[in-house]
Amino acid sequence: MHVERLQHVFEIFGKRAQGKTCDAIEGIIAQGEKIIEDFKGQPAMDAGLASAAQAVEHYEIARYCTLTRWAGDLGLKDAQKFLITALQEETKTDEALTALAEASLNAAAKVATAR
C-alpha cells in the first residue's frame, strides 16, 4: 500500500516515481544480518530483530513526518492525506513492535542470557 500511495503523491506532482537505494536502511539491514549471525537460535535474536525493525520504522516515521509537513506547507492537501495515512501506519507498526518486545521478546532474551 505504501508504494501505491507514494505513486499517487508523485502523480500529484506530475513526476514519475522511482525507487532509490537508501544507505541508512541498508545499514539497518546489515545490523539485522549481524544480529542473526551473532544470536542465531537464541531468544535474543528475536528481540534484536524487533529492535532492528523498529529502527526501520523510526526512519520511515521521520521521513513521513517531514514530507507530511512539507505537503501541508505547500498546500498540497491531497498529497498530505496520503502521507498522513502512511505515517499513521508506520506509527502503528512501531507501537506493535514495542508491545511485542515488552510482552515477550525482551523478557525471553533476558531470561536466556541470565542462565
Protein backbone atom coordinates (compact mmCIF):
# COMPACT_ATOMS: atom_id res chain seq x y z
CA MET A 1 0.00 0.00 0.00
CA HIS A 2 2.87 2.38 0.72
CA VAL A 3 4.21 2.13 -2.81
CA GLU A 4 0.76 2.73 -4.24
CA ARG A 5 0.24 5.77 -2.01
CA LEU A 6 3.62 7.21 -2.90
CA GLN A 7 2.86 6.73 -6.59
CA HIS A 8 -0.28 8.84 -6.07
CA VAL A 9 1.79 11.54 -4.37
CA PHE A 10 4.21 11.60 -7.29
CA GLU A 11 1.26 11.80 -9.70
CA ILE A 12 0.03 14.88 -7.82
CA PHE A 13 3.45 16.43 -8.51
CA GLY A 14 3.38 15.27 -12.12
CA LYS A 15 6.53 13.22 -11.58
CA ARG A 16 7.41 9.60 -12.21
CA ALA A 17 8.02 7.58 -9.06
CA GLN A 18 11.23 5.60 -8.96
CA GLY A 19 12.98 3.67 -6.23
CA LYS A 20 16.38 4.53 -4.86
CA THR A 21 18.70 2.63 -2.59
CA CYS A 22 18.86 4.16 0.88
CA ASP A 23 22.21 3.81 2.63
CA ALA A 24 20.60 4.26 6.06
CA ILE A 25 18.15 1.40 5.52
CA GLU A 26 20.92 -0.73 4.02
CA GLY A 27 22.88 -0.15 7.23
CA ILE A 28 19.94 -1.22 9.38
CA ILE A 29 19.54 -4.36 7.26
CA ALA A 30 23.23 -5.11 7.76
CA GLN A 31 22.74 -4.72 11.51
CA GLY A 32 19.84 -7.18 11.35
CA GLU A 33 22.02 -9.67 9.49
CA LYS A 34 24.72 -9.28 12.15
CA ILE A 35 22.12 -9.90 14.88
CA ILE A 36 21.11 -13.13 13.13
CA GLU A 37 24.75 -14.17 12.85
CA ASP A 38 25.55 -13.37 16.48
CA PHE A 39 22.38 -14.73 18.12
CA LYS A 40 21.09 -17.46 15.79
CA GLY A 41 18.93 -19.94 17.67
CA GLN A 42 18.80 -17.77 20.80
CA PRO A 43 15.83 -15.79 22.16
CA ALA A 44 17.96 -12.65 21.98
CA MET A 45 17.85 -12.90 18.19
CA ASP A 46 14.11 -12.18 18.14
CA ALA A 47 14.48 -9.21 20.48
CA GLY A 48 17.37 -7.89 18.39
CA LEU A 49 15.48 -8.27 15.13
CA ALA A 50 12.48 -6.48 16.62
CA SER A 51 14.78 -3.60 17.54
CA ALA A 52 16.20 -3.52 14.01
CA ALA A 53 12.67 -3.48 12.60
CA GLN A 54 11.86 -0.58 14.89
CA ALA A 55 14.90 1.29 13.59
CA VAL A 56 13.43 0.98 10.09
CA GLU A 57 10.04 2.18 11.35
CA HIS A 58 11.62 5.17 13.12
CA TYR A 59 13.45 6.14 9.95
CA GLU A 60 10.21 5.92 7.95
CA ILE A 61 8.28 7.86 10.60
CA ALA A 62 10.87 10.65 10.46
CA ARG A 63 10.62 10.84 6.67
CA TYR A 64 6.82 10.77 6.60
CA CYS A 65 6.66 13.48 9.29
CA THR A 66 8.84 15.75 7.18
CA LEU A 67 7.00 15.02 3.93
CA THR A 68 3.61 15.50 5.58
CA ARG A 69 4.70 18.90 6.91
CA TRP A 70 6.08 19.97 3.55
CA ALA A 71 2.92 18.90 1.74
CA GLY A 72 0.86 20.93 4.22
CA ASP A 73 3.14 23.96 3.90
CA LEU A 74 2.81 23.79 0.11
CA GLY A 75 -0.98 23.48 0.31
CA LEU A 76 -0.94 20.01 -1.25
CA LYS A 77 -3.81 18.61 0.80
CA ASP A 78 -4.34 15.53 -1.39
CA ALA A 79 -0.68 14.53 -1.09
CA GLN A 80 -0.75 15.32 2.61
CA LYS A 81 -3.68 12.92 3.14
CA PHE A 82 -1.76 10.04 1.55
CA LEU A 83 1.32 10.84 3.62
CA ILE A 84 -0.63 11.13 6.88
CA THR A 85 -2.13 7.68 6.26
CA ALA A 86 1.34 6.22 5.69
CA LEU A 87 2.65 7.97 8.81
CA GLN A 88 -0.19 6.55 10.90
CA GLU A 89 0.51 3.03 9.62
CA GLU A 90 4.21 3.29 10.39
CA THR A 91 3.41 4.57 13.89
CA LYS A 92 1.02 1.65 14.50
CA THR A 93 3.67 -0.81 13.33
CA ASP A 94 6.21 0.76 15.69
CA GLU A 95 3.72 0.52 18.57
CA ALA A 96 3.02 -3.13 17.73
CA LEU A 97 6.74 -3.93 17.74
CA THR A 98 7.13 -2.20 21.10
CA ALA A 99 4.20 -4.17 22.53
CA LEU A 100 5.65 -7.44 21.24
CA ALA A 101 9.09 -6.70 22.65
CA GLU A 102 7.70 -5.64 26.02
CA ALA A 103 5.22 -8.53 26.25
CA SER A 104 7.61 -11.35 25.48
CA LEU A 105 10.72 -10.87 23.38
CA ASN A 106 12.78 -8.79 25.80
CA ALA A 107 11.89 -10.96 28.81
CA ALA A 108 12.74 -14.15 26.93
CA ALA A 109 16.10 -12.72 25.90
CA LYS A 110 16.81 -11.56 29.46
CA VAL A 111 15.96 -14.97 30.96
CA ALA A 112 18.09 -16.75 28.39
CA THR A 113 21.13 -14.53 29.00
CA ALA A 114 20.79 -14.85 32.78
CA ARG A 115 21.39 -18.61 32.58
